[in-house]
Amino acid sequence: MSTSTGSSTGGTGSRNRSTNESTSIQERLVIRPQDTVTLQQGEFIGQTVGTESPFFQGTIMRPQLTKERFPLHPMVTFGDGSEEAIHAVVQENFLRVRQEVKDVINIYPNTIAEMLKENE
């Protein structure tokens, strides 16, 4: 941020004093996108304020990951994995989400609820 102040006298020798003040703020990137591209997995960079060294860089260290220590569980199963089973699960989820949206709109009536009723 920069601030400037000035004063002037009139052309006829009279001392008309005027003060002008302008403030401008220039935004700049703290960390350039190019700097983040070279980071390895687990590395991070940041900035603090009010310290002698405002920028920092660190690495998150992880323990040795093994399937036994941290097993991955499937989030969704699709029955036997056939296309029909997948379609049925997706359709069921769609209908459930659609009903939940309608329920929320009915709980919190607003103009959107009126628009939805008109379009049904």
PDB file of N, CA and C in Angstrom:
ATOM      1  N   MET A   1       0.853  -1.158   0.000  1.00  0.00           N
ATOM      2  CA  MET A   1       0.000   0.000   0.000  1.00  0.00           C
ATOM      3  C   MET A   1       0.898   1.219   0.000  1.00  0.00           C
ATOM      4  N   SER A   2       0.546   2.218  -0.797  1.00  0.00           N
ATOM      5  CA  SER A   2       1.311   3.461  -0.816  1.00  0.00           C
ATOM      6  C   SER A   2       0.358   4.628  -0.635  1.00  0.00           C
ATOM      7  N   THR A   3       0.830   5.685   0.028  1.00  0.00           N
ATOM      8  CA  THR A   3       0.033   6.877   0.261  1.00  0.00           C
ATOM      9  C   THR A   3       0.849   8.082  -0.188  1.00  0.00           C
ATOM     10  N   SER A   4       0.217   9.025  -0.885  1.00  0.00           N
ATOM     11  CA  SER A   4       0.909  10.247  -1.285  1.00  0.00           C
ATOM     12  C   SER A   4       0.068  11.448  -0.893  1.00  0.00           C
ATOM     13  N   THR A   5       0.734  12.525  -0.489  1.00  0.00           N
ATOM     14  CA  THR A   5       0.059  13.758  -0.076  1.00  0.00           C
ATOM     15  C   THR A   5       0.737  14.918  -0.790  1.00  0.00           C
ATOM     16  N   GLY A   6      -0.022  15.916  -1.234  1.00  0.00           N
ATOM     17  CA  GLY A   6       0.561  17.074  -1.908  1.00  0.00           C
ATOM     18  C   GLY A   6      -0.212  18.327  -1.586  1.00  0.00           C
ATOM     19  N   SER A   7       0.417  19.497  -1.790  1.00  0.00           N
ATOM     20  CA  SER A   7      -0.269  20.780  -1.601  1.00  0.00           C
ATOM     21  C   SER A   7       0.170  21.704  -2.717  1.00  0.00           C
ATOM     22  N   SER A   8      -0.617  22.746  -3.004  1.00  0.00           N
ATOM     23  CA  SER A   8      -0.290  23.674  -4.086  1.00  0.00           C
ATOM     24  C   SER A   8      -0.750  25.071  -3.716  1.00  0.00           C
ATOM     25  N   THR A   9      -0.176  26.078  -4.420  1.00  0.00           N
ATOM     26  CA  THR A   9      -0.627  27.471  -4.256  1.00  0.00           C
ATOM     27  C   THR A   9      -1.248  27.901  -5.563  1.00  0.00           C
ATOM     28  N   GLY A  10      -2.160  28.835  -5.494  1.00  0.00           N
ATOM     29  CA  GLY A  10      -2.878  29.297  -6.673  1.00  0.00           C
ATOM     30  C   GLY A  10      -1.973  30.064  -7.624  1.00  0.00           C
ATOM     31  N   GLY A  11      -2.382  30.251  -8.875  1.00  0.00           N
ATOM     32  CA  GLY A  11      -1.590  30.916  -9.889  1.00  0.00           C
ATOM     33  C   GLY A  11      -1.467  32.417  -9.686  1.00  0.00           C
ATOM     34  N   THR A  12      -2.322  33.047  -8.912  1.00  0.00           N
ATOM     35  CA  THR A  12      -2.283  34.501  -8.711  1.00  0.00           C
ATOM     36  C   THR A  12      -1.457  34.868  -7.497  1.00  0.00           C
ATOM     37  N   GLY A  13      -0.767  33.963  -6.941  1.00  0.00           N
ATOM     38  CA  GLY A  13       0.042  34.232  -5.768  1.00  0.00           C
ATOM     39  C   GLY A  13      -0.706  34.038  -4.469  1.00  0.00           C
ATOM     40  N   SER A  14      -2.005  33.876  -4.543  1.00  0.00           N
ATOM     41  CA  SER A  14      -2.750  33.639  -3.312  1.00  0.00           C
ATOM     42  C   SER A  14      -2.424  32.246  -2.817  1.00  0.00           C
ATOM     43  N   ARG A  15      -2.505  32.113  -1.549  1.00  0.00           N
ATOM     44  CA  ARG A  15      -2.145  30.806  -0.978  1.00  0.00           C
ATOM     45  C   ARG A  15      -3.409  30.015  -0.704  1.00  0.00           C
ATOM     46  N   ASN A  16      -3.883  29.387  -1.694  1.00  0.00           N
ATOM     47  CA  ASN A  16      -4.972  28.426  -1.534  1.00  0.00           C
ATOM     48  C   ASN A  16      -4.315  27.091  -1.258  1.00  0.00           C
ATOM     49  N   ARG A  17      -4.562  26.614  -0.134  1.00  0.00           N
ATOM     50  CA  ARG A  17      -3.912  25.352   0.214  1.00  0.00           C
ATOM     51  C   ARG A  17      -4.922  24.210   0.058  1.00  0.00           C
ATOM     52  N   SER A  18      -4.531  23.238  -0.708  1.00  0.00           N
ATOM     53  CA  SER A  18      -5.365  22.044  -0.846  1.00  0.00           C
ATOM     54  C   SER A  18      -4.480  20.836  -0.620  1.00  0.00           C
ATOM     55  N   THR A  19      -5.041  19.889  -0.015  1.00  0.00           N
ATOM     56  CA  THR A  19      -4.308  18.660   0.255  1.00  0.00           C
ATOM     57  C   THR A  19      -5.030  17.511  -0.419  1.00  0.00           C
ATOM     58  N   ASN A  20      -4.298  16.776  -1.170  1.00  0.00           N
ATOM     59  CA  ASN A  20      -4.850  15.593  -1.835  1.00  0.00           C
ATOM     60  C   ASN A  20      -4.153  14.371  -1.282  1.00  0.00           C
ATOM     61  N   GLU A  21      -4.928  13.379  -1.014  1.00  0.00           N
ATOM     62  CA  GLU A  21      -4.349  12.136  -0.530  1.00  0.00           C
ATOM     63  C   GLU A  21      -4.933  10.991  -1.338  1.00  0.00           C
ATOM     64  N   SER A  22      -4.068  10.145  -1.816  1.00  0.00           N
ATOM     65  CA  SER A  22      -4.543   8.973  -2.540  1.00  0.00           C
ATOM     66  C   SER A  22      -3.860   7.736  -1.979  1.00  0.00           C
ATOM     67  N   THR A  23      -4.611   6.681  -1.941  1.00  0.00           N
ATOM     68  CA  THR A  23      -4.093   5.414  -1.437  1.00  0.00           C
ATOM     69  C   THR A  23      -4.338   4.362  -2.503  1.00  0.00           C
ATOM     70  N   SER A  24      -3.327   3.601  -2.783  1.00  0.00           N
ATOM     71  CA  SER A  24      -3.501   2.502  -3.730  1.00  0.00           C
ATOM     72  C   SER A  24      -2.982   1.220  -3.095  1.00  0.00           C
ATOM     73  N   ILE A  25      -3.661   0.163  -3.381  1.00  0.00           N
ATOM     74  CA  ILE A  25      -3.278  -1.145  -2.865  1.00  0.00           C
ATOM     75  C   ILE A  25      -2.992  -2.030  -4.073  1.00  0.00           C
ATOM     76  N   GLN A  26      -1.858  -2.665  -4.054  1.00  0.00           N
ATOM     77  CA  GLN A  26      -1.489  -3.556  -5.143  1.00  0.00           C
ATOM     78  C   GLN A  26      -1.468  -4.980  -4.614  1.00  0.00           C
ATOM     79  N   GLU A  27      -2.235  -5.820  -5.263  1.00  0.00           N
ATOM     80  CA  GLU A  27      -2.293  -7.223  -4.853  1.00  0.00           C
ATOM     81  C   GLU A  27      -1.246  -8.004  -5.635  1.00  0.00           C
ATOM     82  N   ARG A  28      -0.529  -8.853  -4.929  1.00  0.00           N
ATOM     83  CA  ARG A  28       0.442  -9.701  -5.603  1.00  0.00           C
ATOM     84  C   ARG A  28       0.375 -11.085  -4.996  1.00  0.00           C
ATOM     85  N   LEU A  29       0.770 -12.037  -5.787  1.00  0.00           N
ATOM     86  CA  LEU A  29       0.768 -13.416  -5.315  1.00  0.00           C
ATOM     87  C   LEU A  29       1.851 -13.597  -4.261  1.00  0.00           C
ATOM     88  N   VAL A  30       1.503 -14.226  -3.164  1.00  0.00           N
ATOM     89  CA  VAL A  30       2.479 -14.515  -2.124  1.00  0.00           C
ATOM     90  C   VAL A  30       3.380 -15.650  -2.578  1.00  0.00           C
ATOM     91  N   ILE A  31       2.764 -16.647  -3.144  1.00  0.00           N
ATOM     92  CA  ILE A  31       3.502 -17.801  -3.649  1.00  0.00           C
ATOM     93  C   ILE A  31       3.099 -17.980  -5.109  1.00  0.00           C
ATOM     94  N   ARG A  32       4.059 -18.024  -5.971  1.00  0.00           N
ATOM     95  CA  ARG A  32       3.780 -18.149  -7.398  1.00  0.00           C
ATOM     96  C   ARG A  32       3.343 -19.574  -7.729  1.00  0.00           C
ATOM     97  N   PRO A  33       2.438 -19.729  -8.673  1.00  0.00           N
ATOM     98  CA  PRO A  33       2.012 -21.079  -9.069  1.00  0.00           C
ATOM     99  C   PRO A  33       3.186 -21.948  -9.516  1.00  0.00           C
ATOM    100  N   GLN A  34       4.195 -21.340 -10.150  1.00  0.00           N
ATOM    101  CA  GLN A  34       5.354 -22.107 -10.599  1.00  0.00           C
ATOM    102  C   GLN A  34       6.066 -22.760  -9.419  1.00  0.00           C
ATOM    103  N   ASP A  35       6.038 -22.097  -8.243  1.00  0.00           N
ATOM    104  CA  ASP A  35       6.711 -22.651  -7.068  1.00  0.00           C
ATOM    105  C   ASP A  35       6.000 -23.899  -6.548  1.00  0.00           C
ATOM    106  N   THR A  36       4.704 -23.981  -6.749  1.00  0.00           N
ATOM    107  CA  THR A  36       3.958 -25.120  -6.225  1.00  0.00           C
ATOM    108  C   THR A  36       4.052 -26.334  -7.141  1.00  0.00           C
ATOM    109  N   VAL A  37       4.348 -26.121  -8.400  1.00  0.00           N
ATOM    110  CA  VAL A  37       4.407 -27.224  -9.357  1.00  0.00           C
ATOM    111  C   VAL A  37       5.553 -28.172  -9.026  1.00  0.00           C
ATOM    112  N   THR A  38       6.636 -27.630  -8.484  1.00  0.00           N
ATOM    113  CA  THR A  38       7.816 -28.453  -8.230  1.00  0.00           C
ATOM    114  C   THR A  38       7.763 -29.189  -6.891  1.00  0.00           C
ATOM    115  N   LEU A  39       6.717 -28.973  -6.098  1.00  0.00           N
ATOM    116  CA  LEU A  39       6.624 -29.640  -4.798  1.00  0.00           C
ATOM    117  C   LEU A  39       6.396 -31.134  -4.980  1.00  0.00           C
ATOM    118  N   GLN A  40       7.021 -31.900  -4.124  1.00  0.00           N
ATOM    119  CA  GLN A  40       6.831 -33.352  -4.121  1.00  0.00           C
ATOM    120  C   GLN A  40       5.606 -33.692  -3.267  1.00  0.00           C
ATOM    121  N   GLN A  41       5.133 -34.915  -3.347  1.00  0.00           N
ATOM    122  CA  GLN A  41       4.000 -35.345  -2.544  1.00  0.00           C
ATOM    123  C   GLN A  41       4.347 -35.192  -1.066  1.00  0.00           C
ATOM    124  N   GLY A  42       3.454 -34.524  -0.312  1.00  0.00           N
ATOM    125  CA  GLY A  42       3.664 -34.315   1.116  1.00  0.00           C
ATOM    126  C   GLY A  42       4.353 -33.010   1.450  1.00  0.00           C
ATOM    127  N   GLU A  43       4.917 -32.297   0.466  1.00  0.00           N
ATOM    128  CA  GLU A  43       5.570 -31.017   0.729  1.00  0.00           C
ATOM    129  C   GLU A  43       4.539 -29.898   0.713  1.00  0.00           C
ATOM    130  N   PHE A  44       4.780 -28.862   1.495  1.00  0.00           N
ATOM    131  CA  PHE A  44       3.902 -27.706   1.510  1.00  0.00           C
ATOM    132  C   PHE A  44       4.729 -26.460   1.772  1.00  0.00           C
ATOM    133  N   ILE A  45       4.195 -25.309   1.346  1.00  0.00           N
ATOM    134  CA  ILE A  45       4.828 -24.013   1.594  1.00  0.00           C
ATOM    135  C   ILE A  45       3.761 -23.064   2.105  1.00  0.00           C
ATOM    136  N   GLY A  46       4.186 -22.041   2.840  1.00  0.00           N
ATOM    137  CA  GLY A  46       3.234 -21.095   3.387  1.00  0.00           C
ATOM    138  C   GLY A  46       3.907 -19.816   3.809  1.00  0.00           C
ATOM    139  N   GLN A  47       3.126 -18.923   4.388  1.00  0.00           N
ATOM    140  CA  GLN A  47       3.627 -17.637   4.835  1.00  0.00           C
ATOM    141  C   GLN A  47       3.018 -17.311   6.191  1.00  0.00           C
ATOM    142  N   THR A  48       3.834 -16.722   7.055  1.00  0.00           N
ATOM    143  CA  THR A  48       3.357 -16.220   8.340  1.00  0.00           C
ATOM    144  C   THR A  48       3.576 -14.715   8.363  1.00  0.00           C
ATOM    145  N   VAL A  49       2.972 -14.035   9.305  1.00  0.00           N
ATOM    146  CA  VAL A  49       3.166 -12.593   9.440  1.00  0.00           C
ATOM    147  C   VAL A  49       3.802 -12.303  10.787  1.00  0.00           C
ATOM    148  N   GLY A  50       4.551 -11.221  10.833  1.00  0.00           N
ATOM    149  CA  GLY A  50       5.142 -10.789  12.091  1.00  0.00           C
ATOM    150  C   GLY A  50       6.323 -11.618  12.541  1.00  0.00           C
ATOM    151  N   THR A  51       7.020 -12.260  11.626  1.00  0.00           N
ATOM    152  CA  THR A  51       8.199 -13.043  11.989  1.00  0.00           C
ATOM    153  C   THR A  51       9.369 -12.612  11.110  1.00  0.00           C
ATOM    154  N   GLU A  52      10.572 -12.961  11.533  1.00  0.00           N
ATOM    155  CA  GLU A  52      11.745 -12.609  10.749  1.00  0.00           C
ATOM    156  C   GLU A  52      11.798 -13.378   9.439  1.00  0.00           C
ATOM    157  N   SER A  53      11.355 -14.606   9.458  1.00  0.00           N
ATOM    158  CA  SER A  53      11.354 -15.436   8.265  1.00  0.00           C
ATOM    159  C   SER A  53       9.903 -15.751   7.898  1.00  0.00           C
ATOM    160  N   PRO A  54       9.276 -14.933   7.043  1.00  0.00           N
ATOM    161  CA  PRO A  54       7.838 -15.077   6.810  1.00  0.00           C
ATOM    162  C   PRO A  54       7.446 -16.307   5.995  1.00  0.00           C
ATOM    163  N   PHE A  55       8.343 -16.856   5.192  1.00  0.00           N
ATOM    164  CA  PHE A  55       7.996 -18.003   4.372  1.00  0.00           C
ATOM    165  C   PHE A  55       8.542 -19.284   4.990  1.00  0.00           C
ATOM    166  N   PHE A  56       7.812 -20.360   4.819  1.00  0.00           N
ATOM    167  CA  PHE A  56       8.289 -21.637   5.331  1.00  0.00           C
ATOM    168  C   PHE A  56       7.937 -22.739   4.354  1.00  0.00           C
ATOM    169  N   GLN A  57       8.656 -23.820   4.450  1.00  0.00           N
ATOM    170  CA  GLN A  57       8.413 -24.996   3.631  1.00  0.00           C
ATOM    171  C   GLN A  57       8.583 -26.207   4.518  1.00  0.00           C
ATOM    172  N   GLY A  58       7.728 -27.193   4.353  1.00  0.00           N
ATOM    173  CA  GLY A  58       7.814 -28.386   5.187  1.00  0.00           C
ATOM    174  C   GLY A  58       7.374 -29.613   4.427  1.00  0.00           C
ATOM    175  N   THR A  59       7.526 -30.726   5.077  1.00  0.00           N
ATOM    176  CA  THR A  59       7.134 -32.006   4.495  1.00  0.00           C
ATOM    177  C   THR A  59       6.368 -32.798   5.544  1.00  0.00           C
ATOM    178  N   ILE A  60       5.270 -33.371   5.138  1.00  0.00           N
ATOM    179  CA  ILE A  60       4.495 -34.240   6.016  1.00  0.00           C
ATOM    180  C   ILE A  60       5.074 -35.642   5.872  1.00  0.00           C
ATOM    181  N   MET A  61       5.540 -36.166   6.977  1.00  0.00           N
ATOM    182  CA  MET A  61       6.104 -37.515   6.955  1.00  0.00           C
ATOM    183  C   MET A  61       5.009 -38.505   7.330  1.00  0.00           C
ATOM    184  N   ARG A  62       4.906 -39.589   6.584  1.00  0.00           N
ATOM    185  CA  ARG A  62       3.895 -40.597   6.866  1.00  0.00           C
ATOM    186  C   ARG A  62       4.581 -41.872   7.324  1.00  0.00           C
ATOM    187  N   PRO A  63       3.898 -42.606   8.170  1.00  0.00           N
ATOM    188  CA  PRO A  63       4.458 -43.917   8.533  1.00  0.00           C
ATOM    189  C   PRO A  63       4.393 -44.835   7.325  1.00  0.00           C
ATOM    190  N   GLN A  64       5.108 -45.904   7.420  1.00  0.00           N
ATOM    191  CA  GLN A  64       5.055 -46.873   6.329  1.00  0.00           C
ATOM    192  C   GLN A  64       3.623 -47.379   6.199  1.00  0.00           C
ATOM    193  N   LEU A  65       3.045 -47.173   5.047  1.00  0.00           N
ATOM    194  CA  LEU A  65       1.678 -47.610   4.821  1.00  0.00           C
ATOM    195  C   LEU A  65       1.672 -49.053   4.333  1.00  0.00           C
ATOM    196  N   THR A  66       0.894 -49.848   4.982  1.00  0.00           N
ATOM    197  CA  THR A  66       0.708 -51.223   4.542  1.00  0.00           C
ATOM    198  C   THR A  66      -0.779 -51.519   4.555  1.00  0.00           C
ATOM    199  N   LYS A  67      -1.179 -52.448   3.745  1.00  0.00           N
ATOM    200  CA  LYS A  67      -2.593 -52.808   3.701  1.00  0.00           C
ATOM    201  C   LYS A  67      -3.072 -53.357   5.037  1.00  0.00           C
ATOM    202  N   GLU A  68      -2.158 -53.984   5.781  1.00  0.00           N
ATOM    203  CA  GLU A  68      -2.544 -54.545   7.073  1.00  0.00           C
ATOM    204  C   GLU A  68      -2.799 -53.435   8.096  1.00  0.00           C
ATOM    205  N   ARG A  69      -1.972 -52.387   8.077  1.00  0.00           N
ATOM    206  CA  ARG A  69      -2.128 -51.303   9.055  1.00  0.00           C
ATOM    207  C   ARG A  69      -3.278 -50.375   8.693  1.00  0.00           C
ATOM    208  N   PHE A  70      -3.455 -50.124   7.406  1.00  0.00           N
ATOM    209  CA  PHE A  70      -4.484 -49.190   6.948  1.00  0.00           C
ATOM    210  C   PHE A  70      -5.260 -49.830   5.801  1.00  0.00           C
ATOM    211  N   PRO A  71      -6.169 -50.736   6.123  1.00  0.00           N
ATOM    212  CA  PRO A  71      -6.899 -51.410   5.051  1.00  0.00           C
ATOM    213  C   PRO A  71      -7.841 -50.445   4.333  1.00  0.00           C
ATOM    214  N   LEU A  72      -7.976 -50.617   3.035  1.00  0.00           N
ATOM    215  CA  LEU A  72      -8.905 -49.819   2.247  1.00  0.00           C
ATOM    216  C   LEU A  72     -10.214 -50.587   2.138  1.00  0.00           C
ATOM    217  N   HIS A  73     -11.299 -49.922   2.480  1.00  0.00           N
ATOM    218  CA  HIS A  73     -12.609 -50.544   2.410  1.00  0.00           C
ATOM    219  C   HIS A  73     -13.359 -49.954   1.224  1.00  0.00           C
ATOM    220  N   PRO A  74     -14.057 -50.771   0.486  1.00  0.00           N
ATOM    221  CA  PRO A  74     -14.810 -50.239  -0.655  1.00  0.00           C
ATOM    222  C   PRO A  74     -15.908 -49.296  -0.159  1.00  0.00           C
ATOM    223  N   MET A  75     -16.059 -48.181  -0.857  1.00  0.00           N
ATOM    224  CA  MET A  75     -17.080 -47.212  -0.469  1.00  0.00           C
ATOM    225  C   MET A  75     -18.456 -47.612  -0.978  1.00  0.00           C
ATOM    226  N   VAL A  76     -18.486 -48.207  -2.160  1.00  0.00           N
ATOM    227  CA  VAL A  76     -19.758 -48.581  -2.769  1.00  0.00           C
ATOM    228  C   VAL A  76     -19.597 -49.964  -3.382  1.00  0.00           C
ATOM    229  N   THR A  77     -20.600 -50.772  -3.190  1.00  0.00           N
ATOM    230  CA  THR A  77     -20.603 -52.057  -3.872  1.00  0.00           C
ATOM    231  C   THR A  77     -21.792 -52.070  -4.820  1.00  0.00           C
ATOM    232  N   PHE A  78     -21.635 -52.742  -5.921  1.00  0.00           N
ATOM    233  CA  PHE A  78     -22.668 -52.770  -6.938  1.00  0.00           C
ATOM    234  C   PHE A  78     -23.171 -54.184  -7.175  1.00  0.00           C
ATOM    235  N   GLY A  79     -23.473 -54.870  -6.106  1.00  0.00           N
ATOM    236  CA  GLY A  79     -23.987 -56.222  -6.265  1.00  0.00           C
ATOM    237  C   GLY A  79     -22.970 -57.101  -6.955  1.00  0.00           C
ATOM    238  N   ASP A  80     -23.370 -57.698  -8.048  1.00  0.00           N
ATOM    239  CA  ASP A  80     -22.461 -58.595  -8.763  1.00  0.00           C
ATOM    240  C   ASP A  80     -21.566 -57.854  -9.751  1.00  0.00           C
ATOM    241  N   GLY A  81     -21.686 -56.518  -9.830  1.00  0.00           N
ATOM    242  CA  GLY A  81     -20.831 -55.726 -10.713  1.00  0.00           C
ATOM    243  C   GLY A  81     -21.333 -55.650 -12.135  1.00  0.00           C
ATOM    244  N   SER A  82     -22.489 -56.236 -12.414  1.00  0.00           N
ATOM    245  CA  SER A  82     -23.026 -56.178 -13.771  1.00  0.00           C
ATOM    246  C   SER A  82     -23.555 -54.771 -14.054  1.00  0.00           C
ATOM    247  N   GLU A  83     -23.741 -54.485 -15.322  1.00  0.00           N
ATOM    248  CA  GLU A  83     -24.250 -53.170 -15.717  1.00  0.00           C
ATOM    249  C   GLU A  83     -25.629 -52.914 -15.118  1.00  0.00           C
ATOM    250  N   GLU A  84     -26.450 -53.939 -15.062  1.00  0.00           N
ATOM    251  CA  GLU A  84     -27.797 -53.775 -14.500  1.00  0.00           C
ATOM    252  C   GLU A  84     -27.724 -53.421 -13.009  1.00  0.00           C
ATOM    253  N   ALA A  85     -26.818 -54.099 -12.277  1.00  0.00           N
ATOM    254  CA  ALA A  85     -26.679 -53.825 -10.842  1.00  0.00           C
ATOM    255  C   ALA A  85     -26.178 -52.404 -10.613  1.00  0.00           C
ATOM    256  N   ILE A  86     -25.209 -51.977 -11.412  1.00  0.00           N
ATOM    257  CA  ILE A  86     -24.684 -50.603 -11.292  1.00  0.00           C
ATOM    258  C   ILE A  86     -25.784 -49.595 -11.581  1.00  0.00           C
ATOM    259  N   HIS A  87     -26.551 -49.833 -12.656  1.00  0.00           N
ATOM    260  CA  HIS A  87     -27.646 -48.921 -13.016  1.00  0.00           C
ATOM    261  C   HIS A  87     -28.679 -48.844 -11.894  1.00  0.00           C
ATOM    262  N   ALA A  88     -29.003 -49.973 -11.285  1.00  0.00           N
ATOM    263  CA  ALA A  88     -29.996 -49.991 -10.216  1.00  0.00           C
ATOM    264  C   ALA A  88     -29.514 -49.182  -9.002  1.00  0.00           C
ATOM    265  N   VAL A  89     -28.247 -49.323  -8.625  1.00  0.00           N
ATOM    266  CA  VAL A  89     -27.702 -48.585  -7.480  1.00  0.00           C
ATOM    267  C   VAL A  89     -27.668 -47.099  -7.783  1.00  0.00           C
ATOM    268  N   VAL A  90     -27.239 -46.729  -8.983  1.00  0.00           N
ATOM    269  CA  VAL A  90     -27.182 -45.310  -9.354  1.00  0.00           C
ATOM    270  C   VAL A  90     -28.587 -44.723  -9.366  1.00  0.00           C
ATOM    271  N   GLN A  91     -29.541 -45.434  -9.928  1.00  0.00           N
ATOM    272  CA  GLN A  91     -30.927 -44.945  -9.980  1.00  0.00           C
ATOM    273  C   GLN A  91     -31.501 -44.791  -8.574  1.00  0.00           C
ATOM    274  N   GLU A  92     -31.227 -45.749  -7.702  1.00  0.00           N
ATOM    275  CA  GLU A  92     -31.697 -45.676  -6.312  1.00  0.00           C
ATOM    276  C   GLU A  92     -31.100 -44.450  -5.602  1.00  0.00           C
ATOM    277  N   ASN A  93     -29.812 -44.238  -5.795  1.00  0.00           N
ATOM    278  CA  ASN A  93     -29.168 -43.071  -5.180  1.00  0.00           C
ATOM    279  C   ASN A  93     -29.734 -41.769  -5.726  1.00  0.00           C
ATOM    280  N   PHE A  94     -29.971 -41.721  -7.028  1.00  0.00           N
ATOM    281  CA  PHE A  94     -30.550 -40.524  -7.635  1.00  0.00           C
ATOM    282  C   PHE A  94     -31.916 -40.206  -7.025  1.00  0.00           C
ATOM    283  N   LEU A  95     -32.773 -41.210  -6.919  1.00  0.00           N
ATOM    284  CA  LEU A  95     -34.108 -40.990  -6.358  1.00  0.00           C
ATOM    285  C   LEU A  95     -34.042 -40.579  -4.891  1.00  0.00           C
ATOM    286  N   ARG A  96     -33.104 -41.170  -4.145  1.00  0.00           N
ATOM    287  CA  ARG A  96     -32.952 -40.814  -2.733  1.00  0.00           C
ATOM    288  C   ARG A  96     -32.506 -39.354  -2.588  1.00  0.00           C
ATOM    289  N   VAL A  97     -31.501 -38.948  -3.376  1.00  0.00           N
ATOM    290  CA  VAL A  97     -31.014 -37.566  -3.308  1.00  0.00           C
ATOM    291  C   VAL A  97     -32.115 -36.597  -3.743  1.00  0.00           C
ATOM    292  N   ARG A  98     -32.843 -36.962  -4.776  1.00  0.00           N
ATOM    293  CA  ARG A  98     -33.936 -36.104  -5.247  1.00  0.00           C
ATOM    294  C   ARG A  98     -34.986 -35.905  -4.149  1.00  0.00           C
ATOM    295  N   GLN A  99     -35.339 -36.980  -3.448  1.00  0.00           N
ATOM    296  CA  GLN A  99     -36.313 -36.875  -2.370  1.00  0.00           C
ATOM    297  C   GLN A  99     -35.765 -36.045  -1.214  1.00  0.00           C
ATOM    298  N   GLU A 100     -34.478 -36.222  -0.893  1.00  0.00           N
ATOM    299  CA  GLU A 100     -33.874 -35.433   0.191  1.00  0.00           C
ATOM    300  C   GLU A 100     -33.887 -33.948  -0.140  1.00  0.00           C
ATOM    301  N   VAL A 101     -33.633 -33.601  -1.392  1.00  0.00           N
ATOM    302  CA  VAL A 101     -33.682 -32.190  -1.805  1.00  0.00           C
ATOM    303  C   VAL A 101     -35.097 -31.649  -1.641  1.00  0.00           C
ATOM    304  N   LYS A 102     -36.083 -32.411  -2.069  1.00  0.00           N
ATOM    305  CA  LYS A 102     -37.479 -31.976  -1.906  1.00  0.00           C
ATOM    306  C   LYS A 102     -37.825 -31.789  -0.429  1.00  0.00           C
ATOM    307  N   ASP A 103     -37.373 -32.711   0.425  1.00  0.00           N
ATOM    308  CA  ASP A 103     -37.644 -32.604   1.856  1.00  0.00           C
ATOM    309  C   ASP A 103     -37.026 -31.337   2.444  1.00  0.00           C
ATOM    310  N   VAL A 104     -35.795 -31.038   2.058  1.00  0.00           N
ATOM    311  CA  VAL A 104     -35.123 -29.836   2.574  1.00  0.00           C
ATOM    312  C   VAL A 104     -35.856 -28.587   2.118  1.00  0.00           C
ATOM    313  N   ILE A 105     -36.277 -28.569   0.860  1.00  0.00           N
ATOM    314  CA  ILE A 105     -36.996 -27.397   0.350  1.00  0.00           C
ATOM    315  C   ILE A 105     -38.316 -27.230   1.087  1.00  0.00           C
ATOM    316  N   ASN A 106     -38.973 -28.316   1.421  1.00  0.00           N
ATOM    317  CA  ASN A 106     -40.231 -28.225   2.157  1.00  0.00           C
ATOM    318  C   ASN A 106     -40.009 -27.781   3.603  1.00  0.00           C
ATOM    319  N   ILE A 107     -38.895 -28.162   4.185  1.00  0.00           N
ATOM    320  CA  ILE A 107     -38.605 -27.742   5.557  1.00  0.00           C
ATOM    321  C   ILE A 107     -38.311 -26.247   5.605  1.00  0.00           C
ATOM    322  N   TYR A 108     -37.585 -25.744   4.599  1.00  0.00           N
ATOM    323  CA  TYR A 108     -37.201 -24.337   4.540  1.00  0.00           C
ATOM    324  C   TYR A 108     -37.855 -23.694   3.321  1.00  0.00           C
ATOM    325  N   PRO A 109     -39.135 -23.340   3.456  1.00  0.00           N
ATOM    326  CA  PRO A 109     -39.838 -22.802   2.282  1.00  0.00           C
ATOM    327  C   PRO A 109     -39.219 -21.476   1.837  1.00  0.00           C
ATOM    328  N   ASN A 110     -39.132 -21.335   0.545  1.00  0.00           N
ATOM    329  CA  ASN A 110     -38.627 -20.100  -0.041  1.00  0.00           C
ATOM    330  C   ASN A 110     -39.132 -19.999  -1.467  1.00  0.00           C
ATOM    331  N   THR A 111     -38.623 -19.094  -2.223  1.00  0.00           N
ATOM    332  CA  THR A 111     -39.107 -18.912  -3.591  1.00  0.00           C
ATOM    333  C   THR A 111     -38.758 -20.093  -4.481  1.00  0.00           C
ATOM    334  N   ILE A 112     -37.691 -20.805  -4.166  1.00  0.00           N
ATOM    335  CA  ILE A 112     -37.325 -21.967  -4.989  1.00  0.00           C
ATOM    336  C   ILE A 112     -38.406 -23.042  -4.862  1.00  0.00           C
ATOM    337  N   ALA A 113     -38.965 -23.223  -3.674  1.00  0.00           N
ATOM    338  CA  ALA A 113     -40.008 -24.216  -3.490  1.00  0.00           C
ATOM    339  C   ALA A 113     -41.202 -23.906  -4.374  1.00  0.00           C
ATOM    340  N   GLU A 114     -41.567 -22.634  -4.482  1.00  0.00           N
ATOM    341  CA  GLU A 114     -42.686 -22.241  -5.330  1.00  0.00           C
ATOM    342  C   GLU A 114     -42.366 -22.522  -6.794  1.00  0.00           C
ATOM    343  N   MET A 115     -41.151 -22.247  -7.210  1.00  0.00           N
ATOM    344  CA  MET A 115     -40.769 -22.506  -8.606  1.00  0.00           C
ATOM    345  C   MET A 115     -40.811 -23.991  -8.905  1.00  0.00           C
ATOM    346  N   LEU A 116     -40.355 -24.825  -7.952  1.00  0.00           N
ATOM    347  CA  LEU A 116     -40.357 -26.259  -8.177  1.00  0.00           C
ATOM    348  C   LEU A 116     -41.776 -26.810  -8.301  1.00  0.00           C
ATOM    349  N   LYS A 117     -42.688 -26.281  -7.484  1.00  0.00           N
ATOM    350  CA  LYS A 117     -44.082 -26.738  -7.543  1.00  0.00           C
ATOM    351  C   LYS A 117     -44.694 -26.389  -8.902  1.00  0.00           C
ATOM    352  N   GLU A 118     -44.341 -25.210  -9.443  1.00  0.00           N
ATOM    353  CA  GLU A 118     -44.871 -24.814 -10.753  1.00  0.00           C
ATOM    354  C   GLU A 118     -44.349 -25.695 -11.855  1.00  0.00           C
ATOM    355  N   ASN A 119     -43.117 -26.203 -11.718  1.00  0.00           N
ATOM    356  CA  ASN A 119     -42.498 -26.987 -12.792  1.00  0.00           C
ATOM    357  C   ASN A 119     -42.805 -28.481 -12.707  1.00  0.00           C
ATOM    358  N   GLU A 120     -43.482 -28.936 -11.682  1.00  0.00           N
ATOM    359  CA  GLU A 120     -43.767 -30.376 -11.555  1.00  0.00           C
ATOM    360  C   GLU A 120     -44.862 -30.807 -12.498  1.00  0.00           C
TER     361      GLU A 120
END
